[in-house]
Amino acid sequence: MHTSSHWYKTASCRLVDWEDGRVTLSSLHSEERNQGHATVLMQQMVDYFDNQNLTALLDAKPYGKRKDGLSTAQLITFYEKFGFKTVDNVKMVLMERVPSQ
């Protein structure tokens, strides 16, 4: 298992590489909203996932307690733009993205 952090301007994310073809996106955060920073960072991550042939997993839930943050529904919509699909919605909103062929 290897954990790394990635940055783009005011957006950051943390990845956990399980070294078995799966990676978990454990957080995606942007200090400035509606500037496109999280979108650019997410696209960079998706490109990395595809280049490394990795299946990406994440829990699409709001991070922290900020009132101006995205709702779960907004997060699901955001991640769907990058090819994530909901695979479990019982205890968490688990989303998965398999590498592009």
C-alpha atoms as a PDB file:
ATOM      1  CA  MET A   1       0.000   0.000   0.000  1.00  0.00           C
ATOM      2  CA  HIS A   2       1.271   3.441  -0.925  1.00  0.00           C
ATOM      3  CA  THR A   3      -0.387   6.774  -0.109  1.00  0.00           C
ATOM      4  CA  SER A   4       0.328   9.946  -2.064  1.00  0.00           C
ATOM      5  CA  SER A   5      -1.064  13.462  -2.255  1.00  0.00           C
ATOM      6  CA  HIS A   6      -1.585  15.392  -5.484  1.00  0.00           C
ATOM      7  CA  TRP A   7      -2.148  19.126  -5.973  1.00  0.00           C
ATOM      8  CA  TYR A   8      -3.394  21.549  -8.583  1.00  0.00           C
ATOM      9  CA  LYS A   9      -3.534  25.213  -7.566  1.00  0.00           C
ATOM     10  CA  THR A  10      -6.011  25.219  -4.642  1.00  0.00           C
ATOM     11  CA  ALA A  11      -7.244  21.628  -5.116  1.00  0.00           C
ATOM     12  CA  SER A  12      -5.716  18.548  -3.544  1.00  0.00           C
ATOM     13  CA  CYS A  13      -6.452  14.850  -3.356  1.00  0.00           C
ATOM     14  CA  ARG A  14      -5.063  11.827  -1.582  1.00  0.00           C
ATOM     15  CA  LEU A  15      -4.690   8.448  -3.250  1.00  0.00           C
ATOM     16  CA  VAL A  16      -4.109   5.062  -1.680  1.00  0.00           C
ATOM     17  CA  ASP A  17      -2.521   2.632  -4.147  1.00  0.00           C
ATOM     18  CA  TRP A  18      -3.241  -0.916  -2.983  1.00  0.00           C
ATOM     19  CA  GLU A  19      -0.661  -2.260  -5.471  1.00  0.00           C
ATOM     20  CA  ASP A  20      -3.155  -4.824  -6.789  1.00  0.00           C
ATOM     21  CA  GLY A  21      -4.632  -2.787  -9.650  1.00  0.00           C
ATOM     22  CA  ARG A  22      -6.898  -0.713  -7.400  1.00  0.00           C
ATOM     23  CA  VAL A  23      -6.491   2.795  -6.078  1.00  0.00           C
ATOM     24  CA  THR A  24      -8.732   4.586  -3.576  1.00  0.00           C
ATOM     25  CA  LEU A  25      -9.353   8.308  -3.909  1.00  0.00           C
ATOM     26  CA  SER A  26      -9.652   9.112  -0.216  1.00  0.00           C
ATOM     27  CA  SER A  27     -10.284  12.840  -0.509  1.00  0.00           C
ATOM     28  CA  LEU A  28     -10.667  15.563  -3.093  1.00  0.00           C
ATOM     29  CA  HIS A  29     -10.793  19.084  -1.745  1.00  0.00           C
ATOM     30  CA  SER A  30     -10.723  22.554  -3.265  1.00  0.00           C
ATOM     31  CA  GLU A  31     -10.299  25.767  -1.292  1.00  0.00           C
ATOM     32  CA  GLU A  32     -11.822  27.884  -4.060  1.00  0.00           C
ATOM     33  CA  ARG A  33     -15.158  26.834  -5.553  1.00  0.00           C
ATOM     34  CA  ASN A  34     -16.149  27.168  -9.211  1.00  0.00           C
ATOM     35  CA  GLN A  35     -12.629  27.891 -10.433  1.00  0.00           C
ATOM     36  CA  GLY A  36     -12.171  24.511 -12.172  1.00  0.00           C
ATOM     37  CA  HIS A  37      -9.236  23.438 -10.000  1.00  0.00           C
ATOM     38  CA  ALA A  38     -10.847  20.224  -8.717  1.00  0.00           C
ATOM     39  CA  THR A  39     -11.967  19.411 -12.274  1.00  0.00           C
ATOM     40  CA  VAL A  40      -8.437  19.807 -13.663  1.00  0.00           C
ATOM     41  CA  LEU A  41      -6.980  17.734 -10.829  1.00  0.00           C
ATOM     42  CA  MET A  42      -9.622  15.034 -11.279  1.00  0.00           C
ATOM     43  CA  GLN A  43      -8.910  14.847 -15.018  1.00  0.00           C
ATOM     44  CA  GLN A  44      -5.205  14.449 -14.246  1.00  0.00           C
ATOM     45  CA  MET A  45      -6.059  11.619 -11.846  1.00  0.00           C
ATOM     46  CA  VAL A  46      -8.314   9.889 -14.412  1.00  0.00           C
ATOM     47  CA  ASP A  47      -5.521  10.102 -16.999  1.00  0.00           C
ATOM     48  CA  TYR A  48      -3.136   8.582 -14.438  1.00  0.00           C
ATOM     49  CA  PHE A  49      -5.628   5.782 -13.628  1.00  0.00           C
ATOM     50  CA  ASP A  50      -5.958   4.939 -17.319  1.00  0.00           C
ATOM     51  CA  ASN A  51      -2.206   5.084 -18.006  1.00  0.00           C
ATOM     52  CA  GLN A  52      -1.525   2.778 -15.047  1.00  0.00           C
ATOM     53  CA  ASN A  53      -4.538   0.523 -15.814  1.00  0.00           C
ATOM     54  CA  LEU A  54      -5.973   1.133 -12.327  1.00  0.00           C
ATOM     55  CA  THR A  55      -9.526   0.679 -11.087  1.00  0.00           C
ATOM     56  CA  ALA A  56     -10.413   3.684  -8.923  1.00  0.00           C
ATOM     57  CA  LEU A  57     -12.767   3.544  -5.934  1.00  0.00           C
ATOM     58  CA  LEU A  58     -14.222   6.355  -3.846  1.00  0.00           C
ATOM     59  CA  ASP A  59     -16.967   7.141  -1.365  1.00  0.00           C
ATOM     60  CA  ALA A  60     -18.966  10.071  -2.750  1.00  0.00           C
ATOM     61  CA  LYS A  61     -19.833  11.807   0.483  1.00  0.00           C
ATOM     62  CA  PRO A  62     -19.272  15.402   1.534  1.00  0.00           C
ATOM     63  CA  TYR A  63     -15.989  15.997   3.324  1.00  0.00           C
ATOM     64  CA  GLY A  64     -16.007  17.977   6.541  1.00  0.00           C
ATOM     65  CA  LYS A  65     -18.841  20.141   7.821  1.00  0.00           C
ATOM     66  CA  ARG A  66     -18.664  23.167   5.555  1.00  0.00           C
ATOM     67  CA  LYS A  67     -22.112  24.532   4.757  1.00  0.00           C
ATOM     68  CA  ASP A  68     -20.977  25.712   1.325  1.00  0.00           C
ATOM     69  CA  GLY A  69     -19.737  22.269   0.278  1.00  0.00           C
ATOM     70  CA  LEU A  70     -21.305  19.993  -2.316  1.00  0.00           C
ATOM     71  CA  SER A  71     -24.134  17.621  -1.451  1.00  0.00           C
ATOM     72  CA  THR A  72     -23.847  13.886  -2.023  1.00  0.00           C
ATOM     73  CA  ALA A  73     -25.993  14.205  -5.164  1.00  0.00           C
ATOM     74  CA  GLN A  74     -23.735  16.968  -6.531  1.00  0.00           C
ATOM     75  CA  LEU A  75     -20.641  14.877  -5.796  1.00  0.00           C
ATOM     76  CA  ILE A  76     -22.122  11.868  -7.598  1.00  0.00           C
ATOM     77  CA  THR A  77     -22.841  14.058 -10.637  1.00  0.00           C
ATOM     78  CA  PHE A  78     -19.277  15.441 -10.519  1.00  0.00           C
ATOM     79  CA  TYR A  79     -17.670  11.994 -10.377  1.00  0.00           C
ATOM     80  CA  GLU A  80     -19.968  10.587 -13.082  1.00  0.00           C
ATOM     81  CA  LYS A  81     -18.447  13.140 -15.490  1.00  0.00           C
ATOM     82  CA  PHE A  82     -15.177  11.214 -15.103  1.00  0.00           C
ATOM     83  CA  GLY A  83     -16.657   7.775 -15.715  1.00  0.00           C
ATOM     84  CA  PHE A  84     -17.382   6.700 -12.132  1.00  0.00           C
ATOM     85  CA  LYS A  85     -20.435   4.497 -11.591  1.00  0.00           C
ATOM     86  CA  THR A  86     -22.261   3.874  -8.312  1.00  0.00           C
ATOM     87  CA  VAL A  87     -21.715   0.253  -7.232  1.00  0.00           C
ATOM     88  CA  ASP A  88     -23.126   0.370  -3.683  1.00  0.00           C
ATOM     89  CA  ASN A  89     -25.481   2.836  -2.041  1.00  0.00           C
ATOM     90  CA  VAL A  90     -26.323   1.053   1.218  1.00  0.00           C
ATOM     91  CA  LYS A  91     -23.799   2.096   3.884  1.00  0.00           C
ATOM     92  CA  MET A  92     -21.913   4.554   1.673  1.00  0.00           C
ATOM     93  CA  VAL A  93     -22.045   5.828  -1.876  1.00  0.00           C
ATOM     94  CA  LEU A  94     -19.280   3.614  -3.261  1.00  0.00           C
ATOM     95  CA  MET A  95     -18.312   4.563  -6.789  1.00  0.00           C
ATOM     96  CA  GLU A  96     -15.933   2.768  -9.123  1.00  0.00           C
ATOM     97  CA  ARG A  97     -14.174   3.648 -12.349  1.00  0.00           C
ATOM     98  CA  VAL A  98     -12.530   0.957 -14.446  1.00  0.00           C
ATOM     99  CA  PRO A  99      -9.722   1.911 -16.831  1.00  0.00           C
ATOM    100  CA  SER A 100     -10.727   3.065 -20.320  1.00  0.00           C
ATOM    101  CA  GLN A 101      -9.999   0.499 -22.988  1.00  0.00           C
END
